[in-house]
């Protein structure tokens, strides 16, 4: 498992159901290598959010891209900006990998 810091870009989507918010997120670490994650997320809360996402990603430099899941928590610090902590893990962690991610989330 690797620990990384980075930036996530989030786009809110129009699917909002009874207190749940949906969003699309792209995460890129501030480290060398072609690692990334792209997920569709569902979250609850406004200033403080808890949620889970699923999508595709490449979590290790020596592995191919694959299916990933990502529970997360974020805390809004300014309009459109939040501090986020995510745990990314692959459907097959030994192949795709797993990563703890802490960084800034910017909503576009």
PDB file of N, CA and C in Angstrom:
ATOM      1  N   UNK A   1       0.845  -1.175   0.000  1.00  0.00           N
ATOM      2  CA  UNK A   1       0.000   0.000   0.000  1.00  0.00           C
ATOM      3  C   UNK A   1       0.886   1.231   0.000  1.00  0.00           C
ATOM      4  N   UNK A   2       0.460   2.244  -0.729  1.00  0.00           N
ATOM      5  CA  UNK A   2       1.178   3.497  -0.804  1.00  0.00           C
ATOM      6  C   UNK A   2       0.325   4.601  -0.208  1.00  0.00           C
ATOM      7  N   UNK A   3       0.973   5.598   0.365  1.00  0.00           N
ATOM      8  CA  UNK A   3       0.289   6.782   0.862  1.00  0.00           C
ATOM      9  C   UNK A   3       0.702   7.939  -0.023  1.00  0.00           C
ATOM     10  N   UNK A   4      -0.261   8.692  -0.529  1.00  0.00           N
ATOM     11  CA  UNK A   4       0.049   9.791  -1.435  1.00  0.00           C
ATOM     12  C   UNK A   4      -0.772  11.018  -1.089  1.00  0.00           C
ATOM     13  N   UNK A   5      -0.271  12.166  -1.524  1.00  0.00           N
ATOM     14  CA  UNK A   5      -1.009  13.422  -1.433  1.00  0.00           C
ATOM     15  C   UNK A   5      -1.285  13.867  -2.855  1.00  0.00           C
ATOM     16  N   UNK A   6      -2.343  14.621  -3.047  1.00  0.00           N
ATOM     17  CA  UNK A   6      -2.650  15.045  -4.392  1.00  0.00           C
ATOM     18  C   UNK A   6      -3.865  15.934  -4.460  1.00  0.00           C
ATOM     19  N   UNK A   7      -4.449  15.991  -5.629  1.00  0.00           N
ATOM     20  CA  UNK A   7      -5.575  16.860  -5.917  1.00  0.00           C
ATOM     21  C   UNK A   7      -6.687  16.037  -6.544  1.00  0.00           C
ATOM     22  N   UNK A   8      -7.924  16.305  -6.137  1.00  0.00           N
ATOM     23  CA  UNK A   8      -9.071  15.697  -6.803  1.00  0.00           C
ATOM     24  C   UNK A   8      -9.920  16.799  -7.412  1.00  0.00           C
ATOM     25  N   UNK A   9     -10.415  16.554  -8.602  1.00  0.00           N
ATOM     26  CA  UNK A   9     -11.378  17.439  -9.248  1.00  0.00           C
ATOM     27  C   UNK A   9     -12.719  16.736  -9.212  1.00  0.00           C
ATOM     28  N   UNK A  10     -13.732  17.439  -8.736  1.00  0.00           N
ATOM     29  CA  UNK A  10     -15.054  16.848  -8.567  1.00  0.00           C
ATOM     30  C   UNK A  10     -16.083  17.655  -9.333  1.00  0.00           C
ATOM     31  N   UNK A  11     -16.966  16.965 -10.021  1.00  0.00           N
ATOM     32  CA  UNK A  11     -18.085  17.595 -10.717  1.00  0.00           C
ATOM     33  C   UNK A  11     -19.369  17.046 -10.129  1.00  0.00           C
ATOM     34  N   UNK A  12     -20.192  17.912  -9.544  1.00  0.00           N
ATOM     35  CA  UNK A  12     -21.486  17.477  -9.026  1.00  0.00           C
ATOM     36  C   UNK A  12     -22.357  17.048 -10.199  1.00  0.00           C
ATOM     37  N   UNK A  13     -23.131  15.999 -10.023  1.00  0.00           N
ATOM     38  CA  UNK A  13     -24.043  15.536 -11.061  1.00  0.00           C
ATOM     39  C   UNK A  13     -25.476  15.807 -10.616  1.00  0.00           C
ATOM     40  N   UNK A  14     -26.412  15.866 -11.539  1.00  0.00           N
ATOM     41  CA  UNK A  14     -27.779  16.251 -11.186  1.00  0.00           C
ATOM     42  C   UNK A  14     -28.574  15.201 -10.420  1.00  0.00           C
ATOM     43  N   UNK A  15     -28.033  14.020 -10.216  1.00  0.00           N
ATOM     44  CA  UNK A  15     -28.756  12.971  -9.503  1.00  0.00           C
ATOM     45  C   UNK A  15     -28.628  13.190  -7.996  1.00  0.00           C
ATOM     46  N   UNK A  16     -29.622  13.808  -7.393  1.00  0.00           N
ATOM     47  CA  UNK A  16     -29.637  14.048  -5.952  1.00  0.00           C
ATOM     48  C   UNK A  16     -30.897  13.415  -5.386  1.00  0.00           C
ATOM     49  N   UNK A  17     -30.720  12.393  -4.549  1.00  0.00           N
ATOM     50  CA  UNK A  17     -31.846  11.627  -4.030  1.00  0.00           C
ATOM     51  C   UNK A  17     -31.860  11.699  -2.517  1.00  0.00           C
ATOM     52  N   UNK A  18     -32.881  12.285  -1.943  1.00  0.00           N
ATOM     53  CA  UNK A  18     -33.145  12.269  -0.498  1.00  0.00           C
ATOM     54  C   UNK A  18     -31.892  12.388   0.366  1.00  0.00           C
ATOM     55  N   UNK A  19     -31.174  13.487   0.222  1.00  0.00           N
ATOM     56  CA  UNK A  19     -30.017  13.722   1.064  1.00  0.00           C
ATOM     57  C   UNK A  19     -28.704  13.180   0.531  1.00  0.00           C
ATOM     58  N   UNK A  20     -28.747  12.366  -0.506  1.00  0.00           N
ATOM     59  CA  UNK A  20     -27.525  11.843  -1.113  1.00  0.00           C
ATOM     60  C   UNK A  20     -27.105  12.762  -2.249  1.00  0.00           C
ATOM     61  N   UNK A  21     -25.819  12.915  -2.437  1.00  0.00           N
ATOM     62  CA  UNK A  21     -25.297  13.716  -3.539  1.00  0.00           C
ATOM     63  C   UNK A  21     -24.433  12.819  -4.413  1.00  0.00           C
ATOM     64  N   UNK A  22     -24.525  13.006  -5.698  1.00  0.00           N
ATOM     65  CA  UNK A  22     -23.693  12.216  -6.606  1.00  0.00           C
ATOM     66  C   UNK A  22     -22.664  13.134  -7.261  1.00  0.00           C
ATOM     67  N   UNK A  23     -21.516  12.571  -7.576  1.00  0.00           N
ATOM     68  CA  UNK A  23     -20.452  13.357  -8.179  1.00  0.00           C
ATOM     69  C   UNK A  23     -19.516  12.452  -8.959  1.00  0.00           C
ATOM     70  N   UNK A  24     -18.790  13.051  -9.871  1.00  0.00           N
ATOM     71  CA  UNK A  24     -17.734  12.370 -10.609  1.00  0.00           C
ATOM     72  C   UNK A  24     -16.417  12.934 -10.106  1.00  0.00           C
ATOM     73  N   UNK A  25     -15.439  12.079  -9.834  1.00  0.00           N
ATOM     74  CA  UNK A  25     -14.172  12.532  -9.264  1.00  0.00           C
ATOM     75  C   UNK A  25     -12.996  11.964 -10.039  1.00  0.00           C
ATOM     76  N   UNK A  26     -12.018  12.820 -10.305  1.00  0.00           N
ATOM     77  CA  UNK A  26     -10.760  12.414 -10.908  1.00  0.00           C
ATOM     78  C   UNK A  26      -9.658  12.762  -9.922  1.00  0.00           C
ATOM     79  N   UNK A  27      -8.846  11.795  -9.536  1.00  0.00           N
ATOM     80  CA  UNK A  27      -7.761  12.011  -8.575  1.00  0.00           C
ATOM     81  C   UNK A  27      -6.423  11.781  -9.249  1.00  0.00           C
ATOM     82  N   UNK A  28      -5.497  12.700  -8.992  1.00  0.00           N
ATOM     83  CA  UNK A  28      -4.134  12.571  -9.499  1.00  0.00           C
ATOM     84  C   UNK A  28      -3.169  12.855  -8.355  1.00  0.00           C
ATOM     85  N   UNK A  29      -2.267  11.921  -8.069  1.00  0.00           N
ATOM     86  CA  UNK A  29      -1.325  12.125  -6.964  1.00  0.00           C
ATOM     87  C   UNK A  29      -0.207  13.084  -7.347  1.00  0.00           C
ATOM     88  N   UNK A  30       0.353  13.737  -6.333  1.00  0.00           N
ATOM     89  CA  UNK A  30       1.509  14.600  -6.548  1.00  0.00           C
ATOM     90  C   UNK A  30       2.772  13.763  -6.372  1.00  0.00           C
ATOM     91  N   UNK A  31       2.951  12.802  -7.238  1.00  0.00           N
ATOM     92  CA  UNK A  31       4.105  11.902  -7.181  1.00  0.00           C
ATOM     93  C   UNK A  31       4.412  11.436  -8.595  1.00  0.00           C
ATOM     94  N   UNK A  32       5.603  10.918  -8.786  1.00  0.00           N
ATOM     95  CA  UNK A  32       5.955  10.403 -10.109  1.00  0.00           C
ATOM     96  C   UNK A  32       5.146   9.157 -10.430  1.00  0.00           C
ATOM     97  N   UNK A  33       4.988   8.924 -11.704  1.00  0.00           N
ATOM     98  CA  UNK A  33       4.265   7.737 -12.128  1.00  0.00           C
ATOM     99  C   UNK A  33       2.922   8.106 -12.717  1.00  0.00           C
ATOM    100  N   UNK A  34       2.374   7.196 -13.466  1.00  0.00           N
ATOM    101  CA  UNK A  34       1.106   7.433 -14.155  1.00  0.00           C
ATOM    102  C   UNK A  34      -0.047   6.866 -13.355  1.00  0.00           C
ATOM    103  N   UNK A  35      -0.141   7.213 -12.078  1.00  0.00           N
ATOM    104  CA  UNK A  35      -1.235   6.716 -11.245  1.00  0.00           C
ATOM    105  C   UNK A  35      -2.408   7.686 -11.312  1.00  0.00           C
ATOM    106  N   UNK A  36      -3.620   7.131 -11.286  1.00  0.00           N
ATOM    107  CA  UNK A  36      -4.824   7.958 -11.331  1.00  0.00           C
ATOM    108  C   UNK A  36      -6.001   7.143 -10.831  1.00  0.00           C
ATOM    109  N   UNK A  37      -7.105   7.826 -10.592  1.00  0.00           N
ATOM    110  CA  UNK A  37      -8.365   7.161 -10.251  1.00  0.00           C
ATOM    111  C   UNK A  37      -9.504   8.026 -10.767  1.00  0.00           C
ATOM    112  N   UNK A  38     -10.492   7.408 -11.368  1.00  0.00           N
ATOM    113  CA  UNK A  38     -11.693   8.092 -11.836  1.00  0.00           C
ATOM    114  C   UNK A  38     -12.890   7.326 -11.283  1.00  0.00           C
ATOM    115  N   UNK A  39     -13.708   7.998 -10.468  1.00  0.00           N
ATOM    116  CA  UNK A  39     -14.816   7.313  -9.795  1.00  0.00           C
ATOM    117  C   UNK A  39     -16.119   8.084  -9.923  1.00  0.00           C
ATOM    118  N   UNK A  40     -17.210   7.355  -9.813  1.00  0.00           N
ATOM    119  CA  UNK A  40     -18.542   7.914  -9.625  1.00  0.00           C
ATOM    120  C   UNK A  40     -18.857   7.720  -8.156  1.00  0.00           C
ATOM    121  N   UNK A  41     -19.194   8.813  -7.471  1.00  0.00           N
ATOM    122  CA  UNK A  41     -19.355   8.785  -6.022  1.00  0.00           C
ATOM    123  C   UNK A  41     -20.777   9.107  -5.592  1.00  0.00           C
ATOM    124  N   UNK A  42     -21.139   8.596  -4.418  1.00  0.00           N
ATOM    125  CA  UNK A  42     -22.376   8.968  -3.729  1.00  0.00           C
ATOM    126  C   UNK A  42     -21.970   9.384  -2.327  1.00  0.00           C
ATOM    127  N   UNK A  43     -22.469  10.546  -1.873  1.00  0.00           N
ATOM    128  CA  UNK A  43     -22.078  11.063  -0.562  1.00  0.00           C
ATOM    129  C   UNK A  43     -23.281  11.620   0.181  1.00  0.00           C
ATOM    130  N   UNK A  44     -23.152  11.689   1.498  1.00  0.00           N
ATOM    131  CA  UNK A  44     -24.153  12.334   2.351  1.00  0.00           C
ATOM    132  C   UNK A  44     -23.460  13.467   3.095  1.00  0.00           C
ATOM    133  N   UNK A  45     -24.226  14.513   3.373  1.00  0.00           N
ATOM    134  CA  UNK A  45     -23.697  15.647   4.112  1.00  0.00           C
ATOM    135  C   UNK A  45     -23.459  16.840   3.215  1.00  0.00           C
ATOM    136  N   UNK A  46     -23.193  17.965   3.842  1.00  0.00           N
ATOM    137  CA  UNK A  46     -22.909  19.201   3.102  1.00  0.00           C
ATOM    138  C   UNK A  46     -21.486  19.680   3.400  1.00  0.00           C
ATOM    139  N   UNK A  47     -21.242  20.323   4.527  1.00  0.00           N
ATOM    140  CA  UNK A  47     -19.898  20.787   4.866  1.00  0.00           C
ATOM    141  C   UNK A  47     -18.947  19.642   5.135  1.00  0.00           C
ATOM    142  N   UNK A  48     -19.450  18.600   5.788  1.00  0.00           N
ATOM    143  CA  UNK A  48     -18.685  17.374   6.021  1.00  0.00           C
ATOM    144  C   UNK A  48     -19.401  16.260   5.284  1.00  0.00           C
ATOM    145  N   UNK A  49     -18.697  15.566   4.412  1.00  0.00           N
ATOM    146  CA  UNK A  49     -19.307  14.503   3.612  1.00  0.00           C
ATOM    147  C   UNK A  49     -18.645  13.163   3.886  1.00  0.00           C
ATOM    148  N   UNK A  50     -19.459  12.132   3.891  1.00  0.00           N
ATOM    149  CA  UNK A  50     -18.996  10.747   3.894  1.00  0.00           C
ATOM    150  C   UNK A  50     -19.570  10.092   2.655  1.00  0.00           C
ATOM    151  N   UNK A  51     -18.784   9.261   2.002  1.00  0.00           N
ATOM    152  CA  UNK A  51     -19.305   8.628   0.804  1.00  0.00           C
ATOM    153  C   UNK A  51     -18.459   7.467   0.334  1.00  0.00           C
ATOM    154  N   UNK A  52     -18.862   6.951  -0.809  1.00  0.00           N
ATOM    155  CA  UNK A  52     -18.148   5.838  -1.436  1.00  0.00           C
ATOM    156  C   UNK A  52     -18.222   6.020  -2.947  1.00  0.00           C
ATOM    157  N   UNK A  53     -17.163   5.605  -3.609  1.00  0.00           N
ATOM    158  CA  UNK A  53     -17.120   5.702  -5.054  1.00  0.00           C
ATOM    159  C   UNK A  53     -16.647   4.397  -5.666  1.00  0.00           C
ATOM    160  N   UNK A  54     -16.894   4.247  -6.947  1.00  0.00           N
ATOM    161  CA  UNK A  54     -16.436   3.081  -7.703  1.00  0.00           C
ATOM    162  C   UNK A  54     -16.071   3.555  -9.103  1.00  0.00           C
ATOM    163  N   UNK A  55     -15.056   2.941  -9.685  1.00  0.00           N
ATOM    164  CA  UNK A  55     -14.647   3.338 -11.025  1.00  0.00           C
ATOM    165  C   UNK A  55     -13.435   2.570 -11.491  1.00  0.00           C
ATOM    166  N   UNK A  56     -12.560   3.271 -12.228  1.00  0.00           N
ATOM    167  CA  UNK A  56     -11.340   2.654 -12.734  1.00  0.00           C
ATOM    168  C   UNK A  56     -10.139   3.447 -12.245  1.00  0.00           C
ATOM    169  N   UNK A  57      -9.001   2.772 -12.171  1.00  0.00           N
ATOM    170  CA  UNK A  57      -7.796   3.471 -11.767  1.00  0.00           C
ATOM    171  C   UNK A  57      -6.569   2.608 -11.910  1.00  0.00           C
ATOM    172  N   UNK A  58      -5.445   3.270 -11.839  1.00  0.00           N
ATOM    173  CA  UNK A  58      -4.139   2.609 -11.826  1.00  0.00           C
ATOM    174  C   UNK A  58      -3.453   3.090 -10.555  1.00  0.00           C
ATOM    175  N   UNK A  59      -3.366   2.225  -9.567  1.00  0.00           N
ATOM    176  CA  UNK A  59      -2.901   2.619  -8.245  1.00  0.00           C
ATOM    177  C   UNK A  59      -1.439   2.309  -7.997  1.00  0.00           C
ATOM    178  N   UNK A  60      -0.834   1.506  -8.852  1.00  0.00           N
ATOM    179  CA  UNK A  60       0.591   1.180  -8.728  1.00  0.00           C
ATOM    180  C   UNK A  60       1.252   1.393 -10.083  1.00  0.00           C
ATOM    181  N   UNK A  61       2.493   1.835 -10.060  1.00  0.00           N
ATOM    182  CA  UNK A  61       3.210   2.053 -11.318  1.00  0.00           C
ATOM    183  C   UNK A  61       3.432   0.766 -12.094  1.00  0.00           C
ATOM    184  N   UNK A  62       3.539  -0.356 -11.391  1.00  0.00           N
ATOM    185  CA  UNK A  62       3.857  -1.627 -12.048  1.00  0.00           C
ATOM    186  C   UNK A  62       2.628  -2.494 -12.308  1.00  0.00           C
ATOM    187  N   UNK A  63       1.450  -1.889 -12.319  1.00  0.00           N
ATOM    188  CA  UNK A  63       0.233  -2.678 -12.522  1.00  0.00           C
ATOM    189  C   UNK A  63      -0.649  -2.039 -13.588  1.00  0.00           C
ATOM    190  N   UNK A  64      -1.546  -2.819 -14.174  1.00  0.00           N
ATOM    191  CA  UNK A  64      -2.480  -2.261 -15.150  1.00  0.00           C
ATOM    192  C   UNK A  64      -3.636  -1.556 -14.445  1.00  0.00           C
ATOM    193  N   UNK A  65      -4.396  -0.800 -15.203  1.00  0.00           N
ATOM    194  CA  UNK A  65      -5.609  -0.176 -14.667  1.00  0.00           C
ATOM    195  C   UNK A  65      -6.648  -1.255 -14.401  1.00  0.00           C
ATOM    196  N   UNK A  66      -7.548  -0.985 -13.461  1.00  0.00           N
ATOM    197  CA  UNK A  66      -8.590  -1.947 -13.136  1.00  0.00           C
ATOM    198  C   UNK A  66      -9.694  -1.323 -12.311  1.00  0.00           C
ATOM    199  N   UNK A  67     -10.666  -2.132 -11.921  1.00  0.00           N
ATOM    200  CA  UNK A  67     -11.807  -1.696 -11.119  1.00  0.00           C
ATOM    201  C   UNK A  67     -11.333  -1.313  -9.721  1.00  0.00           C
ATOM    202  N   UNK A  68     -11.831  -0.183  -9.191  1.00  0.00           N
ATOM    203  CA  UNK A  68     -11.481   0.263  -7.845  1.00  0.00           C
ATOM    204  C   UNK A  68     -12.728   0.723  -7.097  1.00  0.00           C
ATOM    205  N   UNK A  69     -12.641   0.695  -5.777  1.00  0.00           N
ATOM    206  CA  UNK A  69     -13.654   1.290  -4.899  1.00  0.00           C
ATOM    207  C   UNK A  69     -12.935   2.247  -3.956  1.00  0.00           C
ATOM    208  N   UNK A  70     -13.694   3.243  -3.448  1.00  0.00           N
ATOM    209  CA  UNK A  70     -13.054   4.268  -2.637  1.00  0.00           C
ATOM    210  C   UNK A  70     -14.012   4.875  -1.622  1.00  0.00           C
ATOM    211  N   UNK A  71     -13.966   4.436  -0.354  1.00  0.00           N
ATOM    212  CA  UNK A  71     -14.676   5.173   0.684  1.00  0.00           C
ATOM    213  C   UNK A  71     -13.914   6.472   0.952  1.00  0.00           C
ATOM    214  N   UNK A  72     -14.637   7.533   1.324  1.00  0.00           N
ATOM    215  CA  UNK A  72     -13.965   8.813   1.540  1.00  0.00           C
ATOM    216  C   UNK A  72     -14.707   9.680   2.543  1.00  0.00           C
ATOM    217  N   UNK A  73     -13.980  10.678   3.047  1.00  0.00           N
ATOM    218  CA  UNK A  73     -14.535  11.725   3.903  1.00  0.00           C
ATOM    219  C   UNK A  73     -13.931  13.040   3.437  1.00  0.00           C
ATOM    220  N   UNK A  74     -14.754  14.095   3.400  1.00  0.00           N
ATOM    221  CA  UNK A  74     -14.236  15.405   3.012  1.00  0.00           C
ATOM    222  C   UNK A  74     -14.827  16.480   3.912  1.00  0.00           C
ATOM    223  N   UNK A  75     -14.051  17.535   4.118  1.00  0.00           N
ATOM    224  CA  UNK A  75     -14.458  18.663   4.949  1.00  0.00           C
ATOM    225  C   UNK A  75     -14.254  19.935   4.153  1.00  0.00           C
ATOM    226  N   UNK A  76     -15.349  20.670   3.927  1.00  0.00           N
ATOM    227  CA  UNK A  76     -15.278  21.905   3.157  1.00  0.00           C
ATOM    228  C   UNK A  76     -14.487  22.951   3.935  1.00  0.00           C
ATOM    229  N   UNK A  77     -13.518  23.605   3.258  1.00  0.00           N
ATOM    230  CA  UNK A  77     -12.714  24.645   3.893  1.00  0.00           C
ATOM    231  C   UNK A  77     -12.939  26.011   3.263  1.00  0.00           C
ATOM    232  N   UNK A  78     -13.547  26.040   2.085  1.00  0.00           N
ATOM    233  CA  UNK A  78     -13.876  27.271   1.369  1.00  0.00           C
ATOM    234  C   UNK A  78     -14.893  26.896   0.302  1.00  0.00           C
ATOM    235  N   UNK A  79     -15.569  27.887  -0.292  1.00  0.00           N
ATOM    236  CA  UNK A  79     -16.489  27.539  -1.374  1.00  0.00           C
ATOM    237  C   UNK A  79     -15.757  26.755  -2.467  1.00  0.00           C
ATOM    238  N   UNK A  80     -16.314  25.643  -2.857  1.00  0.00           N
ATOM    239  CA  UNK A  80     -15.787  24.753  -3.895  1.00  0.00           C
ATOM    240  C   UNK A  80     -14.485  24.052  -3.524  1.00  0.00           C
ATOM    241  N   UNK A  81     -14.021  24.172  -2.280  1.00  0.00           N
ATOM    242  CA  UNK A  81     -12.765  23.540  -1.868  1.00  0.00           C
ATOM    243  C   UNK A  81     -12.954  22.744  -0.589  1.00  0.00           C
ATOM    244  N   UNK A  82     -12.302  21.593  -0.521  1.00  0.00           N
ATOM    245  CA  UNK A  82     -12.396  20.735   0.663  1.00  0.00           C
ATOM    246  C   UNK A  82     -11.090  19.972   0.835  1.00  0.00           C
ATOM    247  N   UNK A  83     -10.859  19.534   2.053  1.00  0.00           N
ATOM    248  CA  UNK A  83      -9.787  18.584   2.336  1.00  0.00           C
ATOM    249  C   UNK A  83     -10.437  17.210   2.274  1.00  0.00           C
ATOM    250  N   UNK A  84      -9.812  16.274   1.582  1.00  0.00           N
ATOM    251  CA  UNK A  84     -10.416  14.958   1.389  1.00  0.00           C
ATOM    252  C   UNK A  84      -9.425  13.859   1.762  1.00  0.00           C
ATOM    253  N   UNK A  85      -9.948  12.811   2.365  1.00  0.00           N
ATOM    254  CA  UNK A  85      -9.178  11.593   2.635  1.00  0.00           C
ATOM    255  C   UNK A  85      -9.929  10.448   1.974  1.00  0.00           C
ATOM    256  N   UNK A  86      -9.227   9.679   1.154  1.00  0.00           N
ATOM    257  CA  UNK A  86      -9.841   8.564   0.432  1.00  0.00           C
ATOM    258  C   UNK A  86      -8.959   7.336   0.588  1.00  0.00           C
ATOM    259  N   UNK A  87      -9.600   6.192   0.583  1.00  0.00           N
ATOM    260  CA  UNK A  87      -8.868   4.924   0.550  1.00  0.00           C
ATOM    261  C   UNK A  87      -9.268   4.229  -0.742  1.00  0.00           C
ATOM    262  N   UNK A  88      -8.341   4.116  -1.658  1.00  0.00           N
ATOM    263  CA  UNK A  88      -8.591   3.441  -2.926  1.00  0.00           C
ATOM    264  C   UNK A  88      -8.088   2.011  -2.835  1.00  0.00           C
ATOM    265  N   UNK A  89      -8.900   1.074  -3.273  1.00  0.00           N
ATOM    266  CA  UNK A  89      -8.449  -0.309  -3.360  1.00  0.00           C
ATOM    267  C   UNK A  89      -9.037  -0.939  -4.616  1.00  0.00           C
ATOM    268  N   UNK A  90      -8.265  -1.816  -5.209  1.00  0.00           N
ATOM    269  CA  UNK A  90      -8.708  -2.475  -6.421  1.00  0.00           C
ATOM    270  C   UNK A  90      -9.573  -3.678  -6.125  1.00  0.00           C
ATOM    271  N   UNK A  91     -10.368  -4.081  -7.110  1.00  0.00           N
ATOM    272  CA  UNK A  91     -11.162  -5.297  -6.981  1.00  0.00           C
ATOM    273  C   UNK A  91     -10.266  -6.496  -6.721  1.00  0.00           C
ATOM    274  N   UNK A  92      -9.047  -6.434  -7.230  1.00  0.00           N
ATOM    275  CA  UNK A  92      -8.008  -7.431  -6.961  1.00  0.00           C
ATOM    276  C   UNK A  92      -6.799  -6.653  -6.442  1.00  0.00           C
ATOM    277  N   UNK A  93      -6.709  -6.396  -5.110  1.00  0.00           N
ATOM    278  CA  UNK A  93      -5.664  -5.520  -4.564  1.00  0.00           C
ATOM    279  C   UNK A  93      -4.239  -5.943  -4.892  1.00  0.00           C
ATOM    280  N   UNK A  94      -3.979  -7.235  -5.048  1.00  0.00           N
ATOM    281  CA  UNK A  94      -2.614  -7.648  -5.365  1.00  0.00           C
ATOM    282  C   UNK A  94      -2.241  -7.283  -6.795  1.00  0.00           C
ATOM    283  N   UNK A  95      -3.234  -7.105  -7.645  1.00  0.00           N
ATOM    284  CA  UNK A  95      -2.966  -6.746  -9.036  1.00  0.00           C
ATOM    285  C   UNK A  95      -3.070  -5.243  -9.256  1.00  0.00           C
ATOM    286  N   UNK A  96      -4.153  -4.640  -8.793  1.00  0.00           N
ATOM    287  CA  UNK A  96      -4.402  -3.220  -9.030  1.00  0.00           C
ATOM    288  C   UNK A  96      -3.755  -2.355  -7.953  1.00  0.00           C
ATOM    289  N   UNK A  97      -3.710  -2.835  -6.709  1.00  0.00           N
ATOM    290  CA  UNK A  97      -3.088  -2.095  -5.621  1.00  0.00           C
ATOM    291  C   UNK A  97      -4.098  -1.416  -4.720  1.00  0.00           C
ATOM    292  N   UNK A  98      -3.588  -0.725  -3.722  1.00  0.00           N
ATOM    293  CA  UNK A  98      -4.415   0.082  -2.832  1.00  0.00           C
ATOM    294  C   UNK A  98      -3.600   1.283  -2.387  1.00  0.00           C
ATOM    295  N   UNK A  99      -4.277   2.390  -2.099  1.00  0.00           N
ATOM    296  CA  UNK A  99      -3.611   3.645  -1.772  1.00  0.00           C
ATOM    297  C   UNK A  99      -4.452   4.437  -0.792  1.00  0.00           C
ATOM    298  N   UNK A 100      -3.803   5.017   0.201  1.00  0.00           N
ATOM    299  CA  UNK A 100      -4.442   6.018   1.046  1.00  0.00           C
ATOM    300  C   UNK A 100      -4.101   7.370   0.444  1.00  0.00           C
ATOM    301  N   UNK A 101      -5.113   8.195   0.219  1.00  0.00           N
ATOM    302  CA  UNK A 101      -4.954   9.465  -0.485  1.00  0.00           C
ATOM    303  C   UNK A 101      -5.464  10.586   0.402  1.00  0.00           C
ATOM    304  N   UNK A 102      -4.657  11.608   0.624  1.00  0.00           N
ATOM    305  CA  UNK A 102      -5.079  12.804   1.353  1.00  0.00           C
ATOM    306  C   UNK A 102      -4.717  13.995   0.489  1.00  0.00           C
ATOM    307  N   UNK A 103      -5.670  14.898   0.294  1.00  0.00           N
ATOM    308  CA  UNK A 103      -5.368  16.047  -0.552  1.00  0.00           C
ATOM    309  C   UNK A 103      -6.480  17.058  -0.565  1.00  0.00           C
ATOM    310  N   UNK A 104      -6.415  17.932  -1.541  1.00  0.00           N
ATOM    311  CA  UNK A 104      -7.423  18.960  -1.729  1.00  0.00           C
ATOM    312  C   UNK A 104      -8.414  18.507  -2.777  1.00  0.00           C
ATOM    313  N   UNK A 105      -9.673  18.825  -2.548  1.00  0.00           N
ATOM    314  CA  UNK A 105     -10.737  18.528  -3.505  1.00  0.00           C
ATOM    315  C   UNK A 105     -11.269  19.854  -4.002  1.00  0.00           C
ATOM    316  N   UNK A 106     -11.301  20.025  -5.301  1.00  0.00           N
ATOM    317  CA  UNK A 106     -11.849  21.236  -5.899  1.00  0.00           C
ATOM    318  C   UNK A 106     -13.053  20.851  -6.735  1.00  0.00           C
ATOM    319  N   UNK A 107     -14.183  21.497  -6.490  1.00  0.00           N
ATOM    320  CA  UNK A 107     -15.414  21.216  -7.227  1.00  0.00           C
ATOM    321  C   UNK A 107     -15.528  22.186  -8.392  1.00  0.00           C
ATOM    322  N   UNK A 108     -15.629  21.636  -9.599  1.00  0.00           N
ATOM    323  CA  UNK A 108     -15.729  22.480 -10.795  1.00  0.00           C
ATOM    324  C   UNK A 108     -17.161  22.616 -11.236  1.00  0.00           C
TER     325      UNK A 108
END
